[in-house]
Amino acid sequence: MPSWKDLKRFCDHDGWELYKNTDHYFYRKTMDDGTLKRTKVSKGSGQIQSKLWRLILQHQLQVEEGYFNKLI
């Protein structure tokens, strides 16, 4: 499973905008069709739990795991 640092690195490399930096990093990305995607990244250093990771990947990032792994 990826870590929270891996998720932050992905967002930085994939063109996501860091729009809020508080106790978490908040990212957003506007797609070509106008769709707005958002995700929240913990500042913790641990791994993301399996069930939560699947939800983030499918519902927030909306990418395949292979694409994610290529960018981290």
PDB file of N, CA and C in Angstrom:
ATOM      1  N   MET A   1       0.839  -1.185   0.000  1.00  0.00           N
ATOM      2  CA  MET A   1       0.000   0.000   0.000  1.00  0.00           C
ATOM      3  C   MET A   1       0.879   1.241   0.000  1.00  0.00           C
ATOM      4  N   PRO A   2       0.435   2.269  -0.690  1.00  0.00           N
ATOM      5  CA  PRO A   2       1.212   3.507  -0.715  1.00  0.00           C
ATOM      6  C   PRO A   2       1.106   4.246   0.620  1.00  0.00           C
ATOM      7  N   SER A   3       2.025   5.143   0.825  1.00  0.00           N
ATOM      8  CA  SER A   3       2.024   5.984   2.020  1.00  0.00           C
ATOM      9  C   SER A   3       1.366   7.316   1.688  1.00  0.00           C
ATOM     10  N   TRP A   4       1.114   8.089   2.718  1.00  0.00           N
ATOM     11  CA  TRP A   4       0.572   9.435   2.511  1.00  0.00           C
ATOM     12  C   TRP A   4       1.570  10.297   1.744  1.00  0.00           C
ATOM     13  N   LYS A   5       2.856  10.064   1.962  1.00  0.00           N
ATOM     14  CA  LYS A   5       3.883  10.809   1.213  1.00  0.00           C
ATOM     15  C   LYS A   5       3.819  10.459  -0.272  1.00  0.00           C
ATOM     16  N   ASP A   6       3.531   9.196  -0.589  1.00  0.00           N
ATOM     17  CA  ASP A   6       3.378   8.787  -1.991  1.00  0.00           C
ATOM     18  C   ASP A   6       2.193   9.506  -2.630  1.00  0.00           C
ATOM     19  N   LEU A   7       1.103   9.617  -1.902  1.00  0.00           N
ATOM     20  CA  LEU A   7      -0.078  10.302  -2.435  1.00  0.00           C
ATOM     21  C   LEU A   7       0.221  11.771  -2.680  1.00  0.00           C
ATOM     22  N   LYS A   8       0.922  12.418  -1.781  1.00  0.00           N
ATOM     23  CA  LYS A   8       1.297  13.824  -1.976  1.00  0.00           C
ATOM     24  C   LYS A   8       2.203  13.965  -3.204  1.00  0.00           C
ATOM     25  N   ARG A   9       3.172  13.064  -3.338  1.00  0.00           N
ATOM     26  CA  ARG A   9       4.084  13.100  -4.480  1.00  0.00           C
ATOM     27  C   ARG A   9       3.311  12.936  -5.791  1.00  0.00           C
ATOM     28  N   PHE A  10       2.339  12.021  -5.808  1.00  0.00           N
ATOM     29  CA  PHE A  10       1.512  11.834  -7.000  1.00  0.00           C
ATOM     30  C   PHE A  10       0.799  13.131  -7.367  1.00  0.00           C
ATOM     31  N   CYS A  11       0.156  13.757  -6.388  1.00  0.00           N
ATOM     32  CA  CYS A  11      -0.583  14.998  -6.660  1.00  0.00           C
ATOM     33  C   CYS A  11       0.345  16.072  -7.215  1.00  0.00           C
ATOM     34  N   ASP A  12       1.525  16.195  -6.630  1.00  0.00           N
ATOM     35  CA  ASP A  12       2.488  17.197  -7.102  1.00  0.00           C
ATOM     36  C   ASP A  12       2.942  16.909  -8.530  1.00  0.00           C
ATOM     37  N   HIS A  13       3.138  15.643  -8.874  1.00  0.00           N
ATOM     38  CA  HIS A  13       3.625  15.271 -10.208  1.00  0.00           C
ATOM     39  C   HIS A  13       2.522  15.243 -11.264  1.00  0.00           C
ATOM     40  N   ASP A  14       1.280  15.091 -10.849  1.00  0.00           N
ATOM     41  CA  ASP A  14       0.174  14.958 -11.800  1.00  0.00           C
ATOM     42  C   ASP A  14      -0.563  16.280 -12.036  1.00  0.00           C
ATOM     43  N   GLY A  15      -0.037  17.375 -11.539  1.00  0.00           N
ATOM     44  CA  GLY A  15      -0.629  18.672 -11.834  1.00  0.00           C
ATOM     45  C   GLY A  15      -1.788  19.080 -10.947  1.00  0.00           C
ATOM     46  N   TRP A  16      -1.912  18.480  -9.776  1.00  0.00           N
ATOM     47  CA  TRP A  16      -2.949  18.881  -8.840  1.00  0.00           C
ATOM     48  C   TRP A  16      -2.526  20.175  -8.163  1.00  0.00           C
ATOM     49  N   GLU A  17      -3.485  21.020  -7.849  1.00  0.00           N
ATOM     50  CA  GLU A  17      -3.213  22.298  -7.187  1.00  0.00           C
ATOM     51  C   GLU A  17      -3.384  22.133  -5.674  1.00  0.00           C
ATOM     52  N   LEU A  18      -2.361  22.506  -4.933  1.00  0.00           N
ATOM     53  CA  LEU A  18      -2.457  22.549  -3.476  1.00  0.00           C
ATOM     54  C   LEU A  18      -3.166  23.850  -3.127  1.00  0.00           C
ATOM     55  N   TYR A  19      -4.416  23.763  -2.663  1.00  0.00           N
ATOM     56  CA  TYR A  19      -5.183  24.978  -2.407  1.00  0.00           C
ATOM     57  C   TYR A  19      -5.381  25.275  -0.926  1.00  0.00           C
ATOM     58  N   LYS A  20      -5.010  24.335  -0.070  1.00  0.00           N
ATOM     59  CA  LYS A  20      -5.117  24.590   1.368  1.00  0.00           C
ATOM     60  C   LYS A  20      -4.121  23.689   2.087  1.00  0.00           C
ATOM     61  N   ASN A  21      -3.384  24.286   3.025  1.00  0.00           N
ATOM     62  CA  ASN A  21      -2.369  23.556   3.771  1.00  0.00           C
ATOM     63  C   ASN A  21      -2.597  23.826   5.254  1.00  0.00           C
ATOM     64  N   THR A  22      -3.320  22.933   5.907  1.00  0.00           N
ATOM     65  CA  THR A  22      -3.617  23.079   7.336  1.00  0.00           C
ATOM     66  C   THR A  22      -3.075  21.844   8.042  1.00  0.00           C
ATOM     67  N   ASP A  23      -3.906  21.144   8.775  1.00  0.00           N
ATOM     68  CA  ASP A  23      -3.473  19.891   9.381  1.00  0.00           C
ATOM     69  C   ASP A  23      -3.393  18.768   8.340  1.00  0.00           C
ATOM     70  N   HIS A  24      -3.938  19.010   7.146  1.00  0.00           N
ATOM     71  CA  HIS A  24      -3.856  18.123   5.992  1.00  0.00           C
ATOM     72  C   HIS A  24      -3.499  18.971   4.771  1.00  0.00           C
ATOM     73  N   TYR A  25      -3.074  18.316   3.696  1.00  0.00           N
ATOM     74  CA  TYR A  25      -2.908  18.977   2.400  1.00  0.00           C
ATOM     75  C   TYR A  25      -4.200  18.771   1.622  1.00  0.00           C
ATOM     76  N   PHE A  26      -4.742  19.829   1.057  1.00  0.00           N
ATOM     77  CA  PHE A  26      -5.956  19.738   0.254  1.00  0.00           C
ATOM     78  C   PHE A  26      -5.595  20.063  -1.196  1.00  0.00           C
ATOM     79  N   TYR A  27      -5.884  19.129  -2.084  1.00  0.00           N
ATOM     80  CA  TYR A  27      -5.568  19.269  -3.508  1.00  0.00           C
ATOM     81  C   TYR A  27      -6.840  19.252  -4.341  1.00  0.00           C
ATOM     82  N   ARG A  28      -6.754  19.913  -5.493  1.00  0.00           N
ATOM     83  CA  ARG A  28      -7.846  19.849  -6.469  1.00  0.00           C
ATOM     84  C   ARG A  28      -7.238  19.874  -7.871  1.00  0.00           C
ATOM     85  N   LYS A  29      -8.003  19.327  -8.807  1.00  0.00           N
ATOM     86  CA  LYS A  29      -7.563  19.299 -10.203  1.00  0.00           C
ATOM     87  C   LYS A  29      -8.782  19.455 -11.087  1.00  0.00           C
ATOM     88  N   THR A  30      -8.748  20.444 -11.968  1.00  0.00           N
ATOM     89  CA  THR A  30      -9.827  20.665 -12.922  1.00  0.00           C
ATOM     90  C   THR A  30      -9.486  19.923 -14.208  1.00  0.00           C
ATOM     91  N   MET A  31     -10.394  19.055 -14.620  1.00  0.00           N
ATOM     92  CA  MET A  31     -10.187  18.261 -15.827  1.00  0.00           C
ATOM     93  C   MET A  31     -10.603  19.072 -17.060  1.00  0.00           C
ATOM     94  N   ASP A  32     -10.234  18.593 -18.239  1.00  0.00           N
ATOM     95  CA  ASP A  32     -10.545  19.288 -19.489  1.00  0.00           C
ATOM     96  C   ASP A  32     -12.038  19.509 -19.692  1.00  0.00           C
ATOM     97  N   ASP A  33     -12.859  18.584 -19.191  1.00  0.00           N
ATOM     98  CA  ASP A  33     -14.308  18.719 -19.356  1.00  0.00           C
ATOM     99  C   ASP A  33     -14.948  19.583 -18.272  1.00  0.00           C
ATOM    100  N   GLY A  34     -14.128  20.184 -17.401  1.00  0.00           N
ATOM    101  CA  GLY A  34     -14.641  21.051 -16.348  1.00  0.00           C
ATOM    102  C   GLY A  34     -14.890  20.352 -15.023  1.00  0.00           C
ATOM    103  N   THR A  35     -14.766  19.038 -14.994  1.00  0.00           N
ATOM    104  CA  THR A  35     -14.951  18.283 -13.764  1.00  0.00           C
ATOM    105  C   THR A  35     -13.863  18.654 -12.760  1.00  0.00           C
ATOM    106  N   LEU A  36     -14.263  18.833 -11.517  1.00  0.00           N
ATOM    107  CA  LEU A  36     -13.317  19.165 -10.457  1.00  0.00           C
ATOM    108  C   LEU A  36     -13.120  17.943  -9.566  1.00  0.00           C
ATOM    109  N   LYS A  37     -11.860  17.504  -9.449  1.00  0.00           N
ATOM    110  CA  LYS A  37     -11.531  16.394  -8.563  1.00  0.00           C
ATOM    111  C   LYS A  37     -10.835  16.964  -7.337  1.00  0.00           C
ATOM    112  N   ARG A  38     -11.094  16.374  -6.170  1.00  0.00           N
ATOM    113  CA  ARG A  38     -10.473  16.825  -4.922  1.00  0.00           C
ATOM    114  C   ARG A  38      -9.991  15.634  -4.115  1.00  0.00           C
ATOM    115  N   THR A  39      -8.936  15.874  -3.363  1.00  0.00           N
ATOM    116  CA  THR A  39      -8.461  14.867  -2.422  1.00  0.00           C
ATOM    117  C   THR A  39      -7.802  15.554  -1.241  1.00  0.00           C
ATOM    118  N   LYS A  40      -7.770  14.855  -0.133  1.00  0.00           N
ATOM    119  CA  LYS A  40      -7.160  15.350   1.100  1.00  0.00           C
ATOM    120  C   LYS A  40      -6.055  14.378   1.474  1.00  0.00           C
ATOM    121  N   VAL A  41      -4.866  14.911   1.778  1.00  0.00           N
ATOM    122  CA  VAL A  41      -3.706  14.077   2.077  1.00  0.00           C
ATOM    123  C   VAL A  41      -3.260  14.350   3.509  1.00  0.00           C
ATOM    124  N   SER A  42      -3.188  13.293   4.303  1.00  0.00           N
ATOM    125  CA  SER A  42      -2.721  13.410   5.680  1.00  0.00           C
ATOM    126  C   SER A  42      -1.244  13.795   5.707  1.00  0.00           C
ATOM    127  N   LYS A  43      -0.851  14.526   6.718  1.00  0.00           N
ATOM    128  CA  LYS A  43       0.563  14.846   6.898  1.00  0.00           C
ATOM    129  C   LYS A  43       1.292  13.745   7.658  1.00  0.00           C
ATOM    130  N   GLY A  44       0.594  12.670   7.967  1.00  0.00           N
ATOM    131  CA  GLY A  44       1.208  11.518   8.618  1.00  0.00           C
ATOM    132  C   GLY A  44       2.178  10.820   7.681  1.00  0.00           C
ATOM    133  N   SER A  45       3.029   9.978   8.247  1.00  0.00           N
ATOM    134  CA  SER A  45       4.049   9.309   7.435  1.00  0.00           C
ATOM    135  C   SER A  45       3.737   7.835   7.180  1.00  0.00           C
ATOM    136  N   GLY A  46       2.652   7.339   7.725  1.00  0.00           N
ATOM    137  CA  GLY A  46       2.324   5.925   7.601  1.00  0.00           C
ATOM    138  C   GLY A  46       1.704   5.558   6.266  1.00  0.00           C
ATOM    139  N   GLN A  47       1.406   4.270   6.139  1.00  0.00           N
ATOM    140  CA  GLN A  47       0.753   3.766   4.936  1.00  0.00           C
ATOM    141  C   GLN A  47      -0.751   3.999   5.012  1.00  0.00           C
ATOM    142  N   ILE A  48      -1.359   4.123   3.848  1.00  0.00           N
ATOM    143  CA  ILE A  48      -2.805   4.274   3.747  1.00  0.00           C
ATOM    144  C   ILE A  48      -3.425   2.887   3.858  1.00  0.00           C
ATOM    145  N   GLN A  49      -4.437   2.739   4.675  1.00  0.00           N
ATOM    146  CA  GLN A  49      -5.102   1.441   4.833  1.00  0.00           C
ATOM    147  C   GLN A  49      -5.723   1.008   3.514  1.00  0.00           C
ATOM    148  N   SER A  50      -5.736  -0.278   3.270  1.00  0.00           N
ATOM    149  CA  SER A  50      -6.163  -0.856   2.004  1.00  0.00           C
ATOM    150  C   SER A  50      -7.550  -0.380   1.551  1.00  0.00           C
ATOM    151  N   LYS A  51      -8.536  -0.465   2.429  1.00  0.00           N
ATOM    152  CA  LYS A  51      -9.902  -0.084   2.058  1.00  0.00           C
ATOM    153  C   LYS A  51      -9.986   1.409   1.723  1.00  0.00           C
ATOM    154  N   LEU A  52      -9.340   2.238   2.522  1.00  0.00           N
ATOM    155  CA  LEU A  52      -9.330   3.682   2.271  1.00  0.00           C
ATOM    156  C   LEU A  52      -8.602   3.988   0.971  1.00  0.00           C
ATOM    157  N   TRP A  53      -7.490   3.285   0.711  1.00  0.00           N
ATOM    158  CA  TRP A  53      -6.731   3.523  -0.513  1.00  0.00           C
ATOM    159  C   TRP A  53      -7.588   3.249  -1.756  1.00  0.00           C
ATOM    160  N   ARG A  54      -8.348   2.176  -1.751  1.00  0.00           N
ATOM    161  CA  ARG A  54      -9.218   1.858  -2.895  1.00  0.00           C
ATOM    162  C   ARG A  54     -10.244   2.967  -3.124  1.00  0.00           C
ATOM    163  N   LEU A  55     -10.799   3.496  -2.056  1.00  0.00           N
ATOM    164  CA  LEU A  55     -11.772   4.598  -2.181  1.00  0.00           C
ATOM    165  C   LEU A  55     -11.119   5.851  -2.747  1.00  0.00           C
ATOM    166  N   ILE A  56      -9.944   6.195  -2.252  1.00  0.00           N
ATOM    167  CA  ILE A  56      -9.225   7.375  -2.750  1.00  0.00           C
ATOM    168  C   ILE A  56      -8.911   7.204  -4.228  1.00  0.00           C
ATOM    169  N   LEU A  57      -8.386   6.045  -4.595  1.00  0.00           N
ATOM    170  CA  LEU A  57      -7.992   5.779  -5.977  1.00  0.00           C
ATOM    171  C   LEU A  57      -9.185   5.867  -6.932  1.00  0.00           C
ATOM    172  N   GLN A  58     -10.304   5.270  -6.554  1.00  0.00           N
ATOM    173  CA  GLN A  58     -11.464   5.201  -7.442  1.00  0.00           C
ATOM    174  C   GLN A  58     -12.310   6.464  -7.442  1.00  0.00           C
ATOM    175  N   HIS A  59     -12.541   7.047  -6.271  1.00  0.00           N
ATOM    176  CA  HIS A  59     -13.506   8.141  -6.174  1.00  0.00           C
ATOM    177  C   HIS A  59     -12.889   9.530  -6.178  1.00  0.00           C
ATOM    178  N   GLN A  60     -11.668   9.664  -5.713  1.00  0.00           N
ATOM    179  CA  GLN A  60     -11.058  10.979  -5.661  1.00  0.00           C
ATOM    180  C   GLN A  60     -10.058  11.174  -6.800  1.00  0.00           C
ATOM    181  N   LEU A  61      -9.085  10.298  -6.915  1.00  0.00           N
ATOM    182  CA  LEU A  61      -8.086  10.434  -7.976  1.00  0.00           C
ATOM    183  C   LEU A  61      -8.639  10.014  -9.331  1.00  0.00           C
ATOM    184  N   GLN A  62      -9.470   8.994  -9.345  1.00  0.00           N
ATOM    185  CA  GLN A  62     -10.088   8.457 -10.560  1.00  0.00           C
ATOM    186  C   GLN A  62      -9.049   8.057 -11.602  1.00  0.00           C
ATOM    187  N   VAL A  63      -8.043   7.297 -11.129  1.00  0.00           N
ATOM    188  CA  VAL A  63      -6.998   6.782 -12.024  1.00  0.00           C
ATOM    189  C   VAL A  63      -6.761   5.313 -11.705  1.00  0.00           C
ATOM    190  N   GLU A  64      -6.107   4.627 -12.619  1.00  0.00           N
ATOM    191  CA  GLU A  64      -5.706   3.247 -12.399  1.00  0.00           C
ATOM    192  C   GLU A  64      -4.467   3.217 -11.506  1.00  0.00           C
ATOM    193  N   GLU A  65      -4.308   2.148 -10.766  1.00  0.00           N
ATOM    194  CA  GLU A  65      -3.157   2.043  -9.859  1.00  0.00           C
ATOM    195  C   GLU A  65      -1.831   2.068 -10.616  1.00  0.00           C
ATOM    196  N   GLY A  66      -1.799   1.520 -11.811  1.00  0.00           N
ATOM    197  CA  GLY A  66      -0.576   1.540 -12.622  1.00  0.00           C
ATOM    198  C   GLY A  66      -0.145   2.955 -12.974  1.00  0.00           C
ATOM    199  N   TYR A  67      -1.109   3.808 -13.299  1.00  0.00           N
ATOM    200  CA  TYR A  67      -0.807   5.224 -13.582  1.00  0.00           C
ATOM    201  C   TYR A  67      -0.267   5.905 -12.332  1.00  0.00           C
ATOM    202  N   PHE A  68      -0.902   5.655 -11.193  1.00  0.00           N
ATOM    203  CA  PHE A  68      -0.443   6.218  -9.934  1.00  0.00           C
ATOM    204  C   PHE A  68       1.008   5.813  -9.663  1.00  0.00           C
ATOM    205  N   ASN A  69       1.287   4.511  -9.784  1.00  0.00           N
ATOM    206  CA  ASN A  69       2.625   4.007  -9.490  1.00  0.00           C
ATOM    207  C   ASN A  69       3.688   4.593 -10.427  1.00  0.00           C
ATOM    208  N   LYS A  70       3.293   4.890 -11.653  1.00  0.00           N
ATOM    209  CA  LYS A  70       4.237   5.448 -12.622  1.00  0.00           C
ATOM    210  C   LYS A  70       4.677   6.869 -12.220  1.00  0.00           C
ATOM    211  N   LEU A  71       3.801   7.601 -11.573  1.00  0.00           N
ATOM    212  CA  LEU A  71       4.100   8.996 -11.237  1.00  0.00           C
ATOM    213  C   LEU A  71       4.752   9.192  -9.871  1.00  0.00           C
ATOM    214  N   ILE A  72       4.714   8.178  -9.024  1.00  0.00           N
ATOM    215  CA  ILE A  72       5.343   8.365  -7.725  1.00  0.00           C
ATOM    216  C   ILE A  72       6.777   7.954  -7.829  1.00  0.00           C
TER     217      ILE A  72
END
